[in-house]
């Protein structure tokens, strides 16, 4: 029984940039930022198909689905405003709103 290991096919930086549809300088910048894995073979930088696929998957941004009837929500990208955990929009009490209004009036009023 022999243990055979098939080496992955490696491609050059130029070939990897062409496959990703970016320039070689952009690929180098991505590599310096640590956003893509690579192999060093001697002094050469090489990539595998798995490296390119992993990089593309890491950059994946899923679309937001519109499951709510709230018309104020935007449809498209999933990026939303950061919300404080446990705080529901519209949960500020009336007294807190009144205090905030008075504080704003005192802050922005002309000095007497």
C-alpha atoms as a PDB file:
ATOM      1  CA  UNK A   1       0.000   0.000   0.000  1.00  0.00           C
ATOM      2  CA  UNK A   2       1.609   3.257  -1.084  1.00  0.00           C
ATOM      3  CA  UNK A   3       0.700   6.633   0.268  1.00  0.00           C
ATOM      4  CA  UNK A   4       0.566   8.945  -2.693  1.00  0.00           C
ATOM      5  CA  UNK A   5       0.026  12.618  -2.293  1.00  0.00           C
ATOM      6  CA  UNK A   6      -1.030  14.767  -5.198  1.00  0.00           C
ATOM      7  CA  UNK A   7       0.395  18.233  -5.032  1.00  0.00           C
ATOM      8  CA  UNK A   8      -2.029  21.062  -5.792  1.00  0.00           C
ATOM      9  CA  UNK A   9      -1.447  22.977  -8.984  1.00  0.00           C
ATOM     10  CA  UNK A  10       0.186  26.278  -8.183  1.00  0.00           C
ATOM     11  CA  UNK A  11      -0.149  29.402 -10.291  1.00  0.00           C
ATOM     12  CA  UNK A  12       1.890  32.570 -10.463  1.00  0.00           C
ATOM     13  CA  UNK A  13       0.848  35.925  -9.102  1.00  0.00           C
ATOM     14  CA  UNK A  14       0.118  37.208 -12.590  1.00  0.00           C
ATOM     15  CA  UNK A  15      -2.109  34.218 -13.404  1.00  0.00           C
ATOM     16  CA  UNK A  16      -3.922  34.524 -10.069  1.00  0.00           C
ATOM     17  CA  UNK A  17      -4.574  38.237 -10.661  1.00  0.00           C
ATOM     18  CA  UNK A  18      -5.955  37.475 -14.123  1.00  0.00           C
ATOM     19  CA  UNK A  19      -8.273  34.789 -12.740  1.00  0.00           C
ATOM     20  CA  UNK A  20      -9.545  37.149 -10.038  1.00  0.00           C
ATOM     21  CA  UNK A  21      -9.935  39.957 -12.551  1.00  0.00           C
ATOM     22  CA  UNK A  22      -7.659  42.362 -10.667  1.00  0.00           C
ATOM     23  CA  UNK A  23      -4.231  43.845 -11.238  1.00  0.00           C
ATOM     24  CA  UNK A  24      -1.096  42.279  -9.822  1.00  0.00           C
ATOM     25  CA  UNK A  25      -0.523  45.336  -7.627  1.00  0.00           C
ATOM     26  CA  UNK A  26      -4.016  44.929  -6.142  1.00  0.00           C
ATOM     27  CA  UNK A  27      -3.306  41.243  -5.495  1.00  0.00           C
ATOM     28  CA  UNK A  28      -0.034  42.171  -3.772  1.00  0.00           C
ATOM     29  CA  UNK A  29      -1.849  44.718  -1.588  1.00  0.00           C
ATOM     30  CA  UNK A  30      -4.442  42.087  -0.632  1.00  0.00           C
ATOM     31  CA  UNK A  31      -1.622  39.680   0.217  1.00  0.00           C
ATOM     32  CA  UNK A  32       0.214  42.275   2.350  1.00  0.00           C
ATOM     33  CA  UNK A  33      -3.038  42.943   4.248  1.00  0.00           C
ATOM     34  CA  UNK A  34      -3.331  39.212   4.971  1.00  0.00           C
ATOM     35  CA  UNK A  35      -6.625  38.773   3.130  1.00  0.00           C
ATOM     36  CA  UNK A  36      -5.452  35.931   0.889  1.00  0.00           C
ATOM     37  CA  UNK A  37      -3.347  32.885   1.621  1.00  0.00           C
ATOM     38  CA  UNK A  38      -0.363  32.042  -0.545  1.00  0.00           C
ATOM     39  CA  UNK A  39       2.666  29.787  -0.766  1.00  0.00           C
ATOM     40  CA  UNK A  40       6.311  30.701  -0.990  1.00  0.00           C
ATOM     41  CA  UNK A  41       8.273  28.460  -3.300  1.00  0.00           C
ATOM     42  CA  UNK A  42      11.813  29.667  -2.961  1.00  0.00           C
ATOM     43  CA  UNK A  43      11.485  33.403  -3.496  1.00  0.00           C
ATOM     44  CA  UNK A  44       8.381  33.118  -5.650  1.00  0.00           C
ATOM     45  CA  UNK A  45       4.839  33.723  -4.468  1.00  0.00           C
ATOM     46  CA  UNK A  46       2.396  31.053  -5.655  1.00  0.00           C
ATOM     47  CA  UNK A  47      -1.339  30.522  -5.235  1.00  0.00           C
ATOM     48  CA  UNK A  48      -3.592  27.496  -5.502  1.00  0.00           C
ATOM     49  CA  UNK A  49      -7.163  27.338  -6.758  1.00  0.00           C
ATOM     50  CA  UNK A  50      -8.222  26.732  -3.143  1.00  0.00           C
ATOM     51  CA  UNK A  51      -6.526  29.999  -2.087  1.00  0.00           C
ATOM     52  CA  UNK A  52      -8.431  31.963  -4.720  1.00  0.00           C
ATOM     53  CA  UNK A  53     -11.754  30.301  -3.892  1.00  0.00           C
ATOM     54  CA  UNK A  54     -11.239  30.933  -0.169  1.00  0.00           C
ATOM     55  CA  UNK A  55     -10.485  34.605  -0.853  1.00  0.00           C
ATOM     56  CA  UNK A  56     -13.633  34.960  -2.958  1.00  0.00           C
ATOM     57  CA  UNK A  57     -15.753  33.235  -0.307  1.00  0.00           C
ATOM     58  CA  UNK A  58     -14.348  35.479   2.433  1.00  0.00           C
ATOM     59  CA  UNK A  59     -15.404  38.536   0.465  1.00  0.00           C
ATOM     60  CA  UNK A  60     -18.937  37.253  -0.059  1.00  0.00           C
ATOM     61  CA  UNK A  61     -21.686  39.619   1.077  1.00  0.00           C
ATOM     62  CA  UNK A  62     -25.098  37.939   1.194  1.00  0.00           C
ATOM     63  CA  UNK A  63     -28.120  39.897   0.043  1.00  0.00           C
ATOM     64  CA  UNK A  64     -30.672  41.041   2.563  1.00  0.00           C
ATOM     65  CA  UNK A  65     -34.040  39.433   2.142  1.00  0.00           C
ATOM     66  CA  UNK A  66     -37.143  41.495   2.740  1.00  0.00           C
ATOM     67  CA  UNK A  67     -39.166  39.341   5.140  1.00  0.00           C
ATOM     68  CA  UNK A  68     -40.770  42.241   6.968  1.00  0.00           C
ATOM     69  CA  UNK A  69     -43.606  44.499   5.986  1.00  0.00           C
ATOM     70  CA  UNK A  70     -41.721  47.579   7.219  1.00  0.00           C
ATOM     71  CA  UNK A  71     -41.399  49.791   4.139  1.00  0.00           C
ATOM     72  CA  UNK A  72     -38.695  51.938   5.720  1.00  0.00           C
ATOM     73  CA  UNK A  73     -36.123  49.157   5.496  1.00  0.00           C
ATOM     74  CA  UNK A  74     -33.953  49.173   2.435  1.00  0.00           C
ATOM     75  CA  UNK A  75     -33.600  46.137   0.239  1.00  0.00           C
ATOM     76  CA  UNK A  76     -30.230  45.122  -1.166  1.00  0.00           C
ATOM     77  CA  UNK A  77     -27.026  44.830   0.788  1.00  0.00           C
ATOM     78  CA  UNK A  78     -27.198  43.226   4.219  1.00  0.00           C
ATOM     79  CA  UNK A  79     -25.124  45.941   5.891  1.00  0.00           C
ATOM     80  CA  UNK A  80     -27.222  47.593   8.562  1.00  0.00           C
ATOM     81  CA  UNK A  81     -26.702  50.186  11.222  1.00  0.00           C
ATOM     82  CA  UNK A  82     -25.085  48.737  14.328  1.00  0.00           C
ATOM     83  CA  UNK A  83     -27.761  48.188  16.922  1.00  0.00           C
ATOM     84  CA  UNK A  84     -27.250  47.952  20.637  1.00  0.00           C
ATOM     85  CA  UNK A  85     -28.154  44.433  21.788  1.00  0.00           C
ATOM     86  CA  UNK A  86     -31.349  44.304  23.828  1.00  0.00           C
ATOM     87  CA  UNK A  87     -32.584  47.730  22.769  1.00  0.00           C
ATOM     88  CA  UNK A  88     -35.623  47.761  20.559  1.00  0.00           C
ATOM     89  CA  UNK A  89     -36.162  50.795  18.284  1.00  0.00           C
ATOM     90  CA  UNK A  90     -38.859  53.039  19.762  1.00  0.00           C
ATOM     91  CA  UNK A  91     -38.359  51.753  23.298  1.00  0.00           C
ATOM     92  CA  UNK A  92     -37.248  55.095  24.766  1.00  0.00           C
ATOM     93  CA  UNK A  93     -39.723  56.175  27.427  1.00  0.00           C
ATOM     94  CA  UNK A  94     -41.611  59.473  27.148  1.00  0.00           C
ATOM     95  CA  UNK A  95     -39.874  60.842  30.250  1.00  0.00           C
ATOM     96  CA  UNK A  96     -36.424  60.141  28.762  1.00  0.00           C
ATOM     97  CA  UNK A  97     -37.421  61.895  25.547  1.00  0.00           C
ATOM     98  CA  UNK A  98     -38.625  64.938  27.493  1.00  0.00           C
ATOM     99  CA  UNK A  99     -35.404  65.069  29.525  1.00  0.00           C
ATOM    100  CA  UNK A 100     -33.314  64.819  26.359  1.00  0.00           C
ATOM    101  CA  UNK A 101     -35.348  67.631  24.771  1.00  0.00           C
ATOM    102  CA  UNK A 102     -34.854  69.898  27.806  1.00  0.00           C
ATOM    103  CA  UNK A 103     -31.131  69.154  27.878  1.00  0.00           C
ATOM    104  CA  UNK A 104     -30.852  70.027  24.183  1.00  0.00           C
ATOM    105  CA  UNK A 105     -32.722  73.291  24.769  1.00  0.00           C
ATOM    106  CA  UNK A 106     -30.372  74.238  27.630  1.00  0.00           C
ATOM    107  CA  UNK A 107     -27.305  73.250  25.630  1.00  0.00           C
ATOM    108  CA  UNK A 108     -28.168  75.129  22.464  1.00  0.00           C
ATOM    109  CA  UNK A 109     -29.944  78.156  23.927  1.00  0.00           C
ATOM    110  CA  UNK A 110     -28.341  81.579  23.911  1.00  0.00           C
ATOM    111  CA  UNK A 111     -26.504  82.453  27.127  1.00  0.00           C
ATOM    112  CA  UNK A 112     -28.404  84.910  29.319  1.00  0.00           C
END
